[in-house]
Every structure is written in C-alpha cells, then in structure tokens.
Amino acid sequence: MTHPNFVILFVDRPEDSAVFYKKILGVDPLEVSPTFAMFALDSGIMLGLWSKHTADPAPATTGGGCELAISLESDQRVDEHFARWSAAGITILQAPVQLDFGYTCLASDLDGHRIRAFCPAEH
C-alpha cells in the first residue's frame, strides 16, 4: 500500500519560511534556495516549502489553507510548544484549550498556514 510521505506548502518566500519552520520544528532544513526549502521530519514525512511564484503549474491558492498537526504525548508538552512559539514571536491563533479531540493550541506561519500542537483526548 502506498501512503503520502511528502507535504508541500506553497509559500511567498521559501528562505524566510525555512527560518520560521526551523523555529517551529527545531530542526535544520536539508536544503534552502530562493525557490524551495525542504525538511526531513522524525515521522519520516518530508516537508517542502515551494515558492508560489515559481511552482509549475502555479498553485490555485494564494496562501494558507493548510494545517499541519503535531500530536504530542501530554498536555504539558502542548503548553511547552505554546510557550516556545509565543517567546519566538510566532503568531498564535489559539491559546491552549481543551477541545473535543484533545488539548490543543494553534499558530500561523508567514503565509497563513496553520500549525496545531495537540494531545489527543482519551476516549
């Protein structure tokens, strides 16, 4: 069976987005250029940041519209992510809160893509 293993976000400035995602992910990108940046994540997924100005064919969206979710093992880890993101000046869309699916907080990248940290609720 084949499963997706690469996520591409269309961004305005890949070099700036690479700096942002290094803060969010805590890892260095594998490559960075004016048109593309790439990260290898511990989960095995690759994250690409492709310039929306040079993608071929051009993306239908002008930015945002995607949410990356990071599943964490405890509410405390969600709070730690929130504190680290806040201290780094990252735009916070939702402070830590308990929702139906678990304890969560939400941030935004430079292009309006959402980054969620959450601890799944026990069912």
PDB file of N, CA and C in Angstrom:
ATOM      1  N   MET A   1       0.845  -1.178   0.000  1.00  0.00           N
ATOM      2  CA  MET A   1       0.000   0.000   0.000  1.00  0.00           C
ATOM      3  C   MET A   1       0.889   1.240   0.000  1.00  0.00           C
ATOM      4  N   THR A   2       0.488   2.264  -0.719  1.00  0.00           N
ATOM      5  CA  THR A   2       1.246   3.500  -0.824  1.00  0.00           C
ATOM      6  C   THR A   2       0.589   4.573   0.039  1.00  0.00           C
ATOM      7  N   HIS A   3       1.404   5.287   0.827  1.00  0.00           N
ATOM      8  CA  HIS A   3       0.915   6.362   1.685  1.00  0.00           C
ATOM      9  C   HIS A   3       1.691   7.635   1.378  1.00  0.00           C
ATOM     10  N   PRO A   4       1.031   8.784   1.494  1.00  0.00           N
ATOM     11  CA  PRO A   4       1.747  10.043   1.273  1.00  0.00           C
ATOM     12  C   PRO A   4       2.919  10.167   2.250  1.00  0.00           C
ATOM     13  N   ASN A   5       4.036  10.658   1.748  1.00  0.00           N
ATOM     14  CA  ASN A   5       5.210  10.842   2.607  1.00  0.00           C
ATOM     15  C   ASN A   5       5.890  12.193   2.381  1.00  0.00           C
ATOM     16  N   PHE A   6       5.226  13.078   1.641  1.00  0.00           N
ATOM     17  CA  PHE A   6       5.802  14.374   1.338  1.00  0.00           C
ATOM     18  C   PHE A   6       4.673  15.402   1.333  1.00  0.00           C
ATOM     19  N   VAL A   7       4.828  16.467   2.104  1.00  0.00           N
ATOM     20  CA  VAL A   7       3.858  17.551   2.143  1.00  0.00           C
ATOM     21  C   VAL A   7       4.545  18.791   1.576  1.00  0.00           C
ATOM     22  N   ILE A   8       3.867  19.467   0.660  1.00  0.00           N
ATOM     23  CA  ILE A   8       4.404  20.700   0.092  1.00  0.00           C
ATOM     24  C   ILE A   8       3.456  21.849   0.429  1.00  0.00           C
ATOM     25  N   LEU A   9       4.007  22.895   1.003  1.00  0.00           N
ATOM     26  CA  LEU A   9       3.264  24.116   1.249  1.00  0.00           C
ATOM     27  C   LEU A   9       3.758  25.168   0.262  1.00  0.00           C
ATOM     28  N   PHE A  10       2.833  25.860  -0.365  1.00  0.00           N
ATOM     29  CA  PHE A  10       3.204  26.943  -1.274  1.00  0.00           C
ATOM     30  C   PHE A  10       3.333  28.216  -0.455  1.00  0.00           C
ATOM     31  N   VAL A  11       4.503  28.844  -0.542  1.00  0.00           N
ATOM     32  CA  VAL A  11       4.833  29.994   0.301  1.00  0.00           C
ATOM     33  C   VAL A  11       5.342  31.149  -0.560  1.00  0.00           C
ATOM     34  N   ASP A  12       5.337  32.329   0.019  1.00  0.00           N
ATOM     35  CA  ASP A  12       5.797  33.527  -0.684  1.00  0.00           C
ATOM     36  C   ASP A  12       7.319  33.545  -0.817  1.00  0.00           C
ATOM     37  N   ARG A  13       8.020  33.291   0.293  1.00  0.00           N
ATOM     38  CA  ARG A  13       9.487  33.367   0.314  1.00  0.00           C
ATOM     39  C   ARG A  13      10.048  32.133   1.043  1.00  0.00           C
ATOM     40  N   PRO A  14      10.435  31.088   0.306  1.00  0.00           N
ATOM     41  CA  PRO A  14      10.914  29.858   0.931  1.00  0.00           C
ATOM     42  C   PRO A  14      12.057  30.059   1.923  1.00  0.00           C
ATOM     43  N   GLU A  15      12.968  30.984   1.656  1.00  0.00           N
ATOM     44  CA  GLU A  15      14.089  31.185   2.587  1.00  0.00           C
ATOM     45  C   GLU A  15      13.587  31.695   3.938  1.00  0.00           C
ATOM     46  N   ASP A  16      12.649  32.650   3.926  1.00  0.00           N
ATOM     47  CA  ASP A  16      12.075  33.152   5.173  1.00  0.00           C
ATOM     48  C   ASP A  16      11.245  32.072   5.865  1.00  0.00           C
ATOM     49  N   SER A  17      10.495  31.315   5.075  1.00  0.00           N
ATOM     50  CA  SER A  17       9.687  30.233   5.646  1.00  0.00           C
ATOM     51  C   SER A  17      10.560  29.149   6.261  1.00  0.00           C
ATOM     52  N   ALA A  18      11.732  28.903   5.683  1.00  0.00           N
ATOM     53  CA  ALA A  18      12.651  27.917   6.257  1.00  0.00           C
ATOM     54  C   ALA A  18      13.122  28.355   7.643  1.00  0.00           C
ATOM     55  N   VAL A  19      13.402  29.634   7.809  1.00  0.00           N
ATOM     56  CA  VAL A  19      13.790  30.159   9.126  1.00  0.00           C
ATOM     57  C   VAL A  19      12.637  29.961  10.111  1.00  0.00           C
ATOM     58  N   PHE A  20      11.416  30.268   9.677  1.00  0.00           N
ATOM     59  CA  PHE A  20      10.232  30.103  10.520  1.00  0.00           C
ATOM     60  C   PHE A  20      10.062  28.645  10.936  1.00  0.00           C
ATOM     61  N   TYR A  21      10.100  27.715   9.978  1.00  0.00           N
ATOM     62  CA  TYR A  21       9.860  26.308  10.290  1.00  0.00           C
ATOM     63  C   TYR A  21      10.998  25.691  11.094  1.00  0.00           C
ATOM     64  N   LYS A  22      12.191  26.234  10.978  1.00  0.00           N
ATOM     65  CA  LYS A  22      13.276  25.769  11.850  1.00  0.00           C
ATOM     66  C   LYS A  22      12.904  26.062  13.309  1.00  0.00           C
ATOM     67  N   LYS A  23      12.301  27.231  13.561  1.00  0.00           N
ATOM     68  CA  LYS A  23      11.843  27.567  14.922  1.00  0.00           C
ATOM     69  C   LYS A  23      10.728  26.621  15.371  1.00  0.00           C
ATOM     70  N   ILE A  24       9.773  26.372  14.507  1.00  0.00           N
ATOM     71  CA  ILE A  24       8.618  25.526  14.835  1.00  0.00           C
ATOM     72  C   ILE A  24       9.041  24.072  15.058  1.00  0.00           C
ATOM     73  N   LEU A  25       9.863  23.557  14.145  1.00  0.00           N
ATOM     74  CA  LEU A  25      10.204  22.132  14.158  1.00  0.00           C
ATOM     75  C   LEU A  25      11.439  21.797  14.977  1.00  0.00           C
ATOM     76  N   GLY A  26      12.304  22.776  15.195  1.00  0.00           N
ATOM     77  CA  GLY A  26      13.522  22.519  15.952  1.00  0.00           C
ATOM     78  C   GLY A  26      14.564  21.717  15.190  1.00  0.00           C
ATOM     79  N   VAL A  27      14.486  21.707  13.864  1.00  0.00           N
ATOM     80  CA  VAL A  27      15.476  21.006  13.030  1.00  0.00           C
ATOM     81  C   VAL A  27      15.908  21.916  11.884  1.00  0.00           C
ATOM     82  N   ASP A  28      17.103  21.680  11.396  1.00  0.00           N
ATOM     83  CA  ASP A  28      17.614  22.435  10.252  1.00  0.00           C
ATOM     84  C   ASP A  28      17.033  21.873   8.957  1.00  0.00           C
ATOM     85  N   PRO A  29      16.812  22.727   7.974  1.00  0.00           N
ATOM     86  CA  PRO A  29      16.351  22.233   6.672  1.00  0.00           C
ATOM     87  C   PRO A  29      17.478  21.461   5.971  1.00  0.00           C
ATOM     88  N   LEU A  30      17.084  20.515   5.135  1.00  0.00           N
ATOM     89  CA  LEU A  30      18.060  19.770   4.329  1.00  0.00           C
ATOM     90  C   LEU A  30      18.605  20.627   3.204  1.00  0.00           C
ATOM     91  N   GLU A  31      17.736  21.495   2.677  1.00  0.00           N
ATOM     92  CA  GLU A  31      18.154  22.403   1.603  1.00  0.00           C
ATOM     93  C   GLU A  31      17.315  23.663   1.661  1.00  0.00           C
ATOM     94  N   VAL A  32      17.915  24.750   1.196  1.00  0.00           N
ATOM     95  CA  VAL A  32      17.217  26.035   1.131  1.00  0.00           C
ATOM     96  C   VAL A  32      17.717  26.778  -0.103  1.00  0.00           C
ATOM     97  N   SER A  33      16.772  27.262  -0.895  1.00  0.00           N
ATOM     98  CA  SER A  33      17.099  28.115  -2.043  1.00  0.00           C
ATOM     99  C   SER A  33      16.014  29.179  -2.130  1.00  0.00           C
ATOM    100  N   PRO A  34      16.181  30.141  -3.024  1.00  0.00           N
ATOM    101  CA  PRO A  34      15.136  31.164  -3.163  1.00  0.00           C
ATOM    102  C   PRO A  34      13.783  30.608  -3.613  1.00  0.00           C
ATOM    103  N   THR A  35      13.767  29.392  -4.193  1.00  0.00           N
ATOM    104  CA  THR A  35      12.511  28.846  -4.700  1.00  0.00           C
ATOM    105  C   THR A  35      12.000  27.624  -3.941  1.00  0.00           C
ATOM    106  N   PHE A  36      12.833  27.034  -3.061  1.00  0.00           N
ATOM    107  CA  PHE A  36      12.410  25.795  -2.398  1.00  0.00           C
ATOM    108  C   PHE A  36      13.236  25.544  -1.143  1.00  0.00           C
ATOM    109  N   ALA A  37      12.582  24.993  -0.135  1.00  0.00           N
ATOM    110  CA  ALA A  37      13.275  24.528   1.073  1.00  0.00           C
ATOM    111  C   ALA A  37      12.661  23.191   1.461  1.00  0.00           C
ATOM    112  N   MET A  38      13.461  22.333   2.121  1.00  0.00           N
ATOM    113  CA  MET A  38      12.963  21.015   2.474  1.00  0.00           C
ATOM    114  C   MET A  38      13.473  20.595   3.849  1.00  0.00           C
ATOM    115  N   PHE A  39      12.569  19.997   4.629  1.00  0.00           N
ATOM    116  CA  PHE A  39      12.874  19.451   5.946  1.00  0.00           C
ATOM    117  C   PHE A  39      12.562  17.958   5.952  1.00  0.00           C
ATOM    118  N   ALA A  40      13.381  17.172   6.649  1.00  0.00           N
ATOM    119  CA  ALA A  40      13.098  15.768   6.922  1.00  0.00           C
ATOM    120  C   ALA A  40      12.620  15.695   8.364  1.00  0.00           C
ATOM    121  N   LEU A  41      11.415  15.189   8.581  1.00  0.00           N
ATOM    122  CA  LEU A  41      10.828  15.135   9.912  1.00  0.00           C
ATOM    123  C   LEU A  41      11.039  13.756  10.537  1.00  0.00           C
ATOM    124  N   ASP A  42      11.073  13.710  11.851  1.00  0.00           N
ATOM    125  CA  ASP A  42      11.290  12.446  12.562  1.00  0.00           C
ATOM    126  C   ASP A  42      10.248  11.393  12.198  1.00  0.00           C
ATOM    127  N   SER A  43       9.058  11.824  11.808  1.00  0.00           N
ATOM    128  CA  SER A  43       7.980  10.902  11.451  1.00  0.00           C
ATOM    129  C   SER A  43       8.237  10.201  10.117  1.00  0.00           C
ATOM    130  N   GLY A  44       9.242  10.672   9.380  1.00  0.00           N
ATOM    131  CA  GLY A  44       9.528  10.123   8.056  1.00  0.00           C
ATOM    132  C   GLY A  44       8.934  10.967   6.944  1.00  0.00           C
ATOM    133  N   ILE A  45       8.082  11.906   7.302  1.00  0.00           N
ATOM    134  CA  ILE A  45       7.482  12.794   6.299  1.00  0.00           C
ATOM    135  C   ILE A  45       8.470  13.894   5.936  1.00  0.00           C
ATOM    136  N   MET A  46       8.501  14.228   4.666  1.00  0.00           N
ATOM    137  CA  MET A  46       9.302  15.342   4.185  1.00  0.00           C
ATOM    138  C   MET A  46       8.373  16.548   4.051  1.00  0.00           C
ATOM    139  N   LEU A  47       8.861  17.719   4.448  1.00  0.00           N
ATOM    140  CA  LEU A  47       8.107  18.960   4.331  1.00  0.00           C
ATOM    141  C   LEU A  47       8.824  19.868   3.356  1.00  0.00           C
ATOM    142  N   GLY A  48       8.153  20.178   2.245  1.00  0.00           N
ATOM    143  CA  GLY A  48       8.706  21.074   1.245  1.00  0.00           C
ATOM    144  C   GLY A  48       8.010  22.421   1.300  1.00  0.00           C
ATOM    145  N   LEU A  49       8.770  23.472   1.094  1.00  0.00           N
ATOM    146  CA  LEU A  49       8.267  24.841   1.054  1.00  0.00           C
ATOM    147  C   LEU A  49       8.613  25.390  -0.330  1.00  0.00           C
ATOM    148  N   TRP A  50       7.628  25.453  -1.218  1.00  0.00           N
ATOM    149  CA  TRP A  50       7.861  25.792  -2.617  1.00  0.00           C
ATOM    150  C   TRP A  50       7.327  27.189  -2.895  1.00  0.00           C
ATOM    151  N   SER A  51       8.114  27.991  -3.572  1.00  0.00           N
ATOM    152  CA  SER A  51       7.691  29.347  -3.920  1.00  0.00           C
ATOM    153  C   SER A  51       6.428  29.297  -4.770  1.00  0.00           C
ATOM    154  N   LYS A  52       5.388  29.969  -4.311  1.00  0.00           N
ATOM    155  CA  LYS A  52       4.148  30.018  -5.083  1.00  0.00           C
ATOM    156  C   LYS A  52       4.338  30.800  -6.379  1.00  0.00           C
ATOM    157  N   HIS A  53       5.463  31.518  -6.489  1.00  0.00           N
ATOM    158  CA  HIS A  53       5.746  32.311  -7.682  1.00  0.00           C
ATOM    159  C   HIS A  53       6.444  31.499  -8.768  1.00  0.00           C
ATOM    160  N   THR A  54       7.038  30.354  -8.389  1.00  0.00           N
ATOM    161  CA  THR A  54       7.780  29.559  -9.366  1.00  0.00           C
ATOM    162  C   THR A  54       7.249  28.139  -9.516  1.00  0.00           C
ATOM    163  N   ALA A  55       6.266  27.737  -8.714  1.00  0.00           N
ATOM    164  CA  ALA A  55       5.701  26.391  -8.827  1.00  0.00           C
ATOM    165  C   ALA A  55       5.072  26.220 -10.202  1.00  0.00           C
ATOM    166  N   ASP A  56       5.260  25.040 -10.780  1.00  0.00           N
ATOM    167  CA  ASP A  56       4.743  24.780 -12.117  1.00  0.00           C
ATOM    168  C   ASP A  56       4.024  23.441 -12.120  1.00  0.00           C
ATOM    169  N   PRO A  57       2.713  23.440 -12.366  1.00  0.00           N
ATOM    170  CA  PRO A  57       1.877  24.603 -12.632  1.00  0.00           C
ATOM    171  C   PRO A  57       1.645  25.406 -11.351  1.00  0.00           C
ATOM    172  N   ALA A  58       1.248  26.645 -11.524  1.00  0.00           N
ATOM    173  CA  ALA A  58       1.029  27.535 -10.389  1.00  0.00           C
ATOM    174  C   ALA A  58      -0.090  26.995  -9.501  1.00  0.00           C
ATOM    175  N   PRO A  59       0.060  27.135  -8.188  1.00  0.00           N
ATOM    176  CA  PRO A  59      -0.996  26.665  -7.288  1.00  0.00           C
ATOM    177  C   PRO A  59      -2.250  27.529  -7.417  1.00  0.00           C
ATOM    178  N   ALA A  60      -3.397  26.931  -7.153  1.00  0.00           N
ATOM    179  CA  ALA A  60      -4.665  27.651  -7.244  1.00  0.00           C
ATOM    180  C   ALA A  60      -4.870  28.590  -6.058  1.00  0.00           C
ATOM    181  N   THR A  61      -4.185  28.333  -4.952  1.00  0.00           N
ATOM    182  CA  THR A  61      -4.343  29.148  -3.755  1.00  0.00           C
ATOM    183  C   THR A  61      -3.249  30.207  -3.676  1.00  0.00           C
ATOM    184  N   THR A  62      -3.540  31.289  -3.019  1.00  0.00           N
ATOM    185  CA  THR A  62      -2.542  32.347  -2.866  1.00  0.00           C
ATOM    186  C   THR A  62      -1.832  32.271  -1.526  1.00  0.00           C
ATOM    187  N   GLY A  63      -2.195  31.325  -0.685  1.00  0.00           N
ATOM    188  CA  GLY A  63      -1.528  31.155   0.608  1.00  0.00           C
ATOM    189  C   GLY A  63      -2.482  30.605   1.643  1.00  0.00           C
ATOM    190  N   GLY A  64      -1.910  30.029   2.680  1.00  0.00           N
ATOM    191  CA  GLY A  64      -2.724  29.452   3.739  1.00  0.00           C
ATOM    192  C   GLY A  64      -3.508  28.260   3.236  1.00  0.00           C
ATOM    193  N   GLY A  65      -4.536  27.908   3.974  1.00  0.00           N
ATOM    194  CA  GLY A  65      -5.406  26.832   3.526  1.00  0.00           C
ATOM    195  C   GLY A  65      -4.979  25.447   3.949  1.00  0.00           C
ATOM    196  N   CYS A  66      -3.922  25.331   4.719  1.00  0.00           N
ATOM    197  CA  CYS A  66      -3.433  24.030   5.146  1.00  0.00           C
ATOM    198  C   CYS A  66      -3.181  24.072   6.648  1.00  0.00           C
ATOM    199  N   GLU A  67      -3.331  22.927   7.311  1.00  0.00           N
ATOM    200  CA  GLU A  67      -2.999  22.838   8.728  1.00  0.00           C
ATOM    201  C   GLU A  67      -2.098  21.634   8.947  1.00  0.00           C
ATOM    202  N   LEU A  68      -0.935  21.870   9.533  1.00  0.00           N
ATOM    203  CA  LEU A  68      -0.041  20.801   9.960  1.00  0.00           C
ATOM    204  C   LEU A  68      -0.329  20.538  11.426  1.00  0.00           C
ATOM    205  N   ALA A  69      -0.508  19.286  11.791  1.00  0.00           N
ATOM    206  CA  ALA A  69      -0.827  18.941  13.175  1.00  0.00           C
ATOM    207  C   ALA A  69       0.302  18.116  13.770  1.00  0.00           C
ATOM    208  N   ILE A  70       0.690  18.472  14.985  1.00  0.00           N
ATOM    209  CA  ILE A  70       1.758  17.787  15.706  1.00  0.00           C
ATOM    210  C   ILE A  70       1.134  17.130  16.928  1.00  0.00           C
ATOM    211  N   SER A  71       1.065  15.812  16.924  1.00  0.00           N
ATOM    212  CA  SER A  71       0.500  15.057  18.038  1.00  0.00           C
ATOM    213  C   SER A  71       1.563  14.898  19.123  1.00  0.00           C
ATOM    214  N   LEU A  72       1.198  15.270  20.340  1.00  0.00           N
ATOM    215  CA  LEU A  72       2.129  15.231  21.467  1.00  0.00           C
ATOM    216  C   LEU A  72       1.604  14.285  22.540  1.00  0.00           C
ATOM    217  N   GLU A  73       2.504  13.872  23.447  1.00  0.00           N
ATOM    218  CA  GLU A  73       2.153  12.851  24.428  1.00  0.00           C
ATOM    219  C   GLU A  73       1.521  13.375  25.708  1.00  0.00           C
ATOM    220  N   SER A  74       1.491  14.698  25.905  1.00  0.00           N
ATOM    221  CA  SER A  74       0.905  15.223  27.145  1.00  0.00           C
ATOM    222  C   SER A  74       0.447  16.667  26.951  1.00  0.00           C
ATOM    223  N   ASP A  75      -0.480  17.076  27.839  1.00  0.00           N
ATOM    224  CA  ASP A  75      -0.921  18.467  27.839  1.00  0.00           C
ATOM    225  C   ASP A  75       0.251  19.394  28.148  1.00  0.00           C
ATOM    226  N   GLN A  76       1.150  18.935  29.007  1.00  0.00           N
ATOM    227  CA  GLN A  76       2.323  19.745  29.365  1.00  0.00           C
ATOM    228  C   GLN A  76       3.173  20.045  28.133  1.00  0.00           C
ATOM    229  N   ARG A  77       3.318  19.077  27.233  1.00  0.00           N
ATOM    230  CA  ARG A  77       4.103  19.302  26.011  1.00  0.00           C
ATOM    231  C   ARG A  77       3.407  20.333  25.111  1.00  0.00           C
ATOM    232  N   VAL A  78       2.071  20.330  25.089  1.00  0.00           N
ATOM    233  CA  VAL A  78       1.336  21.356  24.331  1.00  0.00           C
ATOM    234  C   VAL A  78       1.650  22.726  24.913  1.00  0.00           C
ATOM    235  N   ASP A  79       1.597  22.827  26.245  1.00  0.00           N
ATOM    236  CA  ASP A  79       1.921  24.097  26.910  1.00  0.00           C
ATOM    237  C   ASP A  79       3.353  24.534  26.600  1.00  0.00           C
ATOM    238  N   GLU A  80       4.283  23.584  26.552  1.00  0.00           N
ATOM    239  CA  GLU A  80       5.682  23.904  26.232  1.00  0.00           C
ATOM    240  C   GLU A  80       5.800  24.448  24.810  1.00  0.00           C
ATOM    241  N   HIS A  81       5.105  23.827  23.858  1.00  0.00           N
ATOM    242  CA  HIS A  81       5.126  24.325  22.480  1.00  0.00           C
ATOM    243  C   HIS A  81       4.543  25.738  22.423  1.00  0.00           C
ATOM    244  N   PHE A  82       3.425  25.930  23.090  1.00  0.00           N
ATOM    245  CA  PHE A  82       2.801  27.254  23.121  1.00  0.00           C
ATOM    246  C   PHE A  82       3.772  28.300  23.675  1.00  0.00           C
ATOM    247  N   ALA A  83       4.430  27.992  24.770  1.00  0.00           N
ATOM    248  CA  ALA A  83       5.371  28.937  25.386  1.00  0.00           C
ATOM    249  C   ALA A  83       6.544  29.226  24.453  1.00  0.00           C
ATOM    250  N   ARG A  84       7.078  28.187  23.823  1.00  0.00           N
ATOM    251  CA  ARG A  84       8.223  28.361  22.918  1.00  0.00           C
ATOM    252  C   ARG A  84       7.825  29.179  21.695  1.00  0.00           C
ATOM    253  N   TRP A  85       6.654  28.869  21.127  1.00  0.00           N
ATOM    254  CA  TRP A  85       6.187  29.609  19.952  1.00  0.00           C
ATOM    255  C   TRP A  85       5.909  31.064  20.307  1.00  0.00           C
ATOM    256  N   SER A  86       5.287  31.289  21.443  1.00  0.00           N
ATOM    257  CA  SER A  86       4.986  32.667  21.874  1.00  0.00           C
ATOM    258  C   SER A  86       6.265  33.458  22.080  1.00  0.00           C
ATOM    259  N   ALA A  87       7.247  32.849  22.748  1.00  0.00           N
ATOM    260  CA  ALA A  87       8.519  33.519  23.012  1.00  0.00           C
ATOM    261  C   ALA A  87       9.271  33.838  21.718  1.00  0.00           C
ATOM    262  N   ALA A  88       9.060  33.024  20.689  1.00  0.00           N
ATOM    263  CA  ALA A  88       9.732  33.239  19.398  1.00  0.00           C
ATOM    264  C   ALA A  88       9.004  34.270  18.536  1.00  0.00           C
ATOM    265  N   GLY A  89       7.886  34.802  19.031  1.00  0.00           N
ATOM    266  CA  GLY A  89       7.153  35.811  18.271  1.00  0.00           C
ATOM    267  C   GLY A  89       6.270  35.248  17.180  1.00  0.00           C
ATOM    268  N   ILE A  90       5.988  33.959  17.246  1.00  0.00           N
ATOM    269  CA  ILE A  90       5.137  33.313  16.246  1.00  0.00           C
ATOM    270  C   ILE A  90       3.683  33.705  16.514  1.00  0.00           C
ATOM    271  N   THR A  91       2.936  33.974  15.457  1.00  0.00           N
ATOM    272  CA  THR A  91       1.539  34.366  15.593  1.00  0.00           C
ATOM    273  C   THR A  91       0.726  33.217  16.170  1.00  0.00           C
ATOM    274  N   ILE A  92       0.086  33.468  17.287  1.00  0.00           N
ATOM    275  CA  ILE A  92      -0.760  32.470  17.948  1.00  0.00           C
ATOM    276  C   ILE A  92      -2.215  32.746  17.573  1.00  0.00           C
ATOM    277  N   LEU A  93      -2.881  31.730  17.059  1.00  0.00           N
ATOM    278  CA  LEU A  93      -4.287  31.851  16.692  1.00  0.00           C
ATOM    279  C   LEU A  93      -5.206  31.342  17.801  1.00  0.00           C
ATOM    280  N   GLN A  94      -4.686  30.413  18.628  1.00  0.00           N
ATOM    281  CA  GLN A  94      -5.486  29.844  19.699  1.00  0.00           C
ATOM    282  C   GLN A  94      -4.556  29.439  20.836  1.00  0.00           C
ATOM    283  N   ALA A  95      -4.780  30.036  22.010  1.00  0.00           N
ATOM    284  CA  ALA A  95      -4.028  29.642  23.204  1.00  0.00           C
ATOM    285  C   ALA A  95      -4.470  28.235  23.605  1.00  0.00           C
ATOM    286  N   PRO A  96      -3.688  27.537  24.427  1.00  0.00           N
ATOM    287  CA  PRO A  96      -4.062  26.182  24.828  1.00  0.00           C
ATOM    288  C   PRO A  96      -5.490  26.111  25.374  1.00  0.00           C
ATOM    289  N   VAL A  97      -6.207  25.121  24.863  1.00  0.00           N
ATOM    290  CA  VAL A  97      -7.617  24.941  25.221  1.00  0.00           C
ATOM    291  C   VAL A  97      -7.982  23.463  25.059  1.00  0.00           C
ATOM    292  N   GLN A  98      -8.933  23.006  25.843  1.00  0.00           N
ATOM    293  CA  GLN A  98      -9.442  21.645  25.704  1.00  0.00           C
ATOM    294  C   GLN A  98     -10.573  21.653  24.682  1.00  0.00           C
ATOM    295  N   LEU A  99     -10.452  20.878  23.610  1.00  0.00           N
ATOM    296  CA  LEU A  99     -11.499  20.725  22.605  1.00  0.00           C
ATOM    297  C   LEU A  99     -11.933  19.265  22.567  1.00  0.00           C
ATOM    298  N   ASP A 100     -12.905  18.938  21.735  1.00  0.00           N
ATOM    299  CA  ASP A 100     -13.425  17.567  21.664  1.00  0.00           C
ATOM    300  C   ASP A 100     -12.329  16.527  21.439  1.00  0.00           C
ATOM    301  N   PHE A 101     -11.379  16.827  20.573  1.00  0.00           N
ATOM    302  CA  PHE A 101     -10.350  15.857  20.198  1.00  0.00           C
ATOM    303  C   PHE A 101      -9.137  15.858  21.121  1.00  0.00           C
ATOM    304  N   GLY A 102      -9.017  16.866  22.000  1.00  0.00           N
ATOM    305  CA  GLY A 102      -7.889  16.900  22.928  1.00  0.00           C
ATOM    306  C   GLY A 102      -7.497  18.316  23.307  1.00  0.00           C
ATOM    307  N   TYR A 103      -6.389  18.407  24.003  1.00  0.00           N
ATOM    308  CA  TYR A 103      -5.826  19.685  24.454  1.00  0.00           C
ATOM    309  C   TYR A 103      -4.960  20.228  23.329  1.00  0.00           C
ATOM    310  N   THR A 104      -5.126  21.497  22.969  1.00  0.00           N
ATOM    311  CA  THR A 104      -4.509  21.990  21.742  1.00  0.00           C
ATOM    312  C   THR A 104      -4.184  23.477  21.804  1.00  0.00           C
ATOM    313  N   CYS A 105      -3.261  23.892  20.953  1.00  0.00           N
ATOM    314  CA  CYS A 105      -3.025  25.305  20.663  1.00  0.00           C
ATOM    315  C   CYS A 105      -2.735  25.404  19.171  1.00  0.00           C
ATOM    316  N   LEU A 106      -2.853  26.620  18.630  1.00  0.00           N
ATOM    317  CA  LEU A 106      -2.753  26.801  17.190  1.00  0.00           C
ATOM    318  C   LEU A 106      -1.955  28.053  16.864  1.00  0.00           C
ATOM    319  N   ALA A 107      -1.029  27.920  15.916  1.00  0.00           N
ATOM    320  CA  ALA A 107      -0.207  29.041  15.460  1.00  0.00           C
ATOM    321  C   ALA A 107      -0.388  29.190  13.947  1.00  0.00           C
ATOM    322  N   SER A 108       0.181  30.276  13.407  1.00  0.00           N
ATOM    323  CA  SER A 108       0.118  30.535  11.972  1.00  0.00           C
ATOM    324  C   SER A 108       1.517  30.803  11.445  1.00  0.00           C
ATOM    325  N   ASP A 109       1.799  30.308  10.230  1.00  0.00           N
ATOM    326  CA  ASP A 109       3.088  30.620   9.619  1.00  0.00           C
ATOM    327  C   ASP A 109       2.994  31.941   8.861  1.00  0.00           C
ATOM    328  N   LEU A 110       4.043  32.282   8.141  1.00  0.00           N
ATOM    329  CA  LEU A 110       4.119  33.563   7.445  1.00  0.00           C
ATOM    330  C   LEU A 110       3.094  33.711   6.325  1.00  0.00           C
ATOM    331  N   ASP A 111       2.587  32.577   5.825  1.00  0.00           N
ATOM    332  CA  ASP A 111       1.652  32.592   4.701  1.00  0.00           C
ATOM    333  C   ASP A 111       0.226  32.237   5.110  1.00  0.00           C
ATOM    334  N   GLY A 112      -0.024  32.099   6.402  1.00  0.00           N
ATOM    335  CA  GLY A 112      -1.366  31.789   6.869  1.00  0.00           C
ATOM    336  C   GLY A 112      -1.666  30.314   7.032  1.00  0.00           C
ATOM    337  N   HIS A 113      -0.684  29.433   6.761  1.00  0.00           N
ATOM    338  CA  HIS A 113      -0.877  28.012   7.050  1.00  0.00           C
ATOM    339  C   HIS A 113      -0.913  27.851   8.564  1.00  0.00           C
ATOM    340  N   ARG A 114      -1.735  26.927   9.034  1.00  0.00           N
ATOM    341  CA  ARG A 114      -1.908  26.737  10.471  1.00  0.00           C
ATOM    342  C   ARG A 114      -1.041  25.589  10.967  1.00  0.00           C
ATOM    343  N   ILE A 115      -0.492  25.745  12.178  1.00  0.00           N
ATOM    344  CA  ILE A 115       0.297  24.700  12.828  1.00  0.00           C
ATOM    345  C   ILE A 115      -0.349  24.429  14.184  1.00  0.00           C
ATOM    346  N   ARG A 116      -0.830  23.204  14.361  1.00  0.00           N
ATOM    347  CA  ARG A 116      -1.533  22.829  15.584  1.00  0.00           C
ATOM    348  C   ARG A 116      -0.676  21.854  16.385  1.00  0.00           C
ATOM    349  N   ALA A 117      -0.540  22.119  17.664  1.00  0.00           N
ATOM    350  CA  ALA A 117       0.042  21.154  18.602  1.00  0.00           C
ATOM    351  C   ALA A 117      -1.114  20.637  19.444  1.00  0.00           C
ATOM    352  N   PHE A 118      -1.187  19.316  19.632  1.00  0.00           N
ATOM    353  CA  PHE A 118      -2.301  18.772  20.413  1.00  0.00           C
ATOM    354  C   PHE A 118      -1.925  17.472  21.106  1.00  0.00           C
ATOM    355  N   CYS A 119      -2.590  17.227  22.200  1.00  0.00           N
ATOM    356  CA  CYS A 119      -2.512  15.944  22.905  1.00  0.00           C
ATOM    357  C   CYS A 119      -3.890  15.316  22.764  1.00  0.00           C
ATOM    358  N   PRO A 120      -3.994  14.171  22.082  1.00  0.00           N
ATOM    359  CA  PRO A 120      -5.311  13.570  21.856  1.00  0.00           C
ATOM    360  C   PRO A 120      -6.039  13.267  23.169  1.00  0.00           C
ATOM    361  N   ALA A 121      -7.359  13.478  23.135  1.00  0.00           N
ATOM    362  CA  ALA A 121      -8.191  13.151  24.293  1.00  0.00           C
ATOM    363  C   ALA A 121      -8.281  11.636  24.416  1.00  0.00           C
ATOM    364  N   GLU A 122      -8.367  11.178  25.636  1.00  0.00           N
ATOM    365  CA  GLU A 122      -8.559   9.736  25.865  1.00  0.00           C
ATOM    366  C   GLU A 122     -10.031   9.415  25.642  1.00  0.00           C
ATOM    367  N   HIS A 123     -10.287   8.392  24.863  1.00  0.00           N
ATOM    368  CA  HIS A 123     -11.688   8.015  24.589  1.00  0.00           C
ATOM    369  C   HIS A 123     -11.973   6.651  25.139  1.00  0.00           C
TER     370      HIS A 123
END
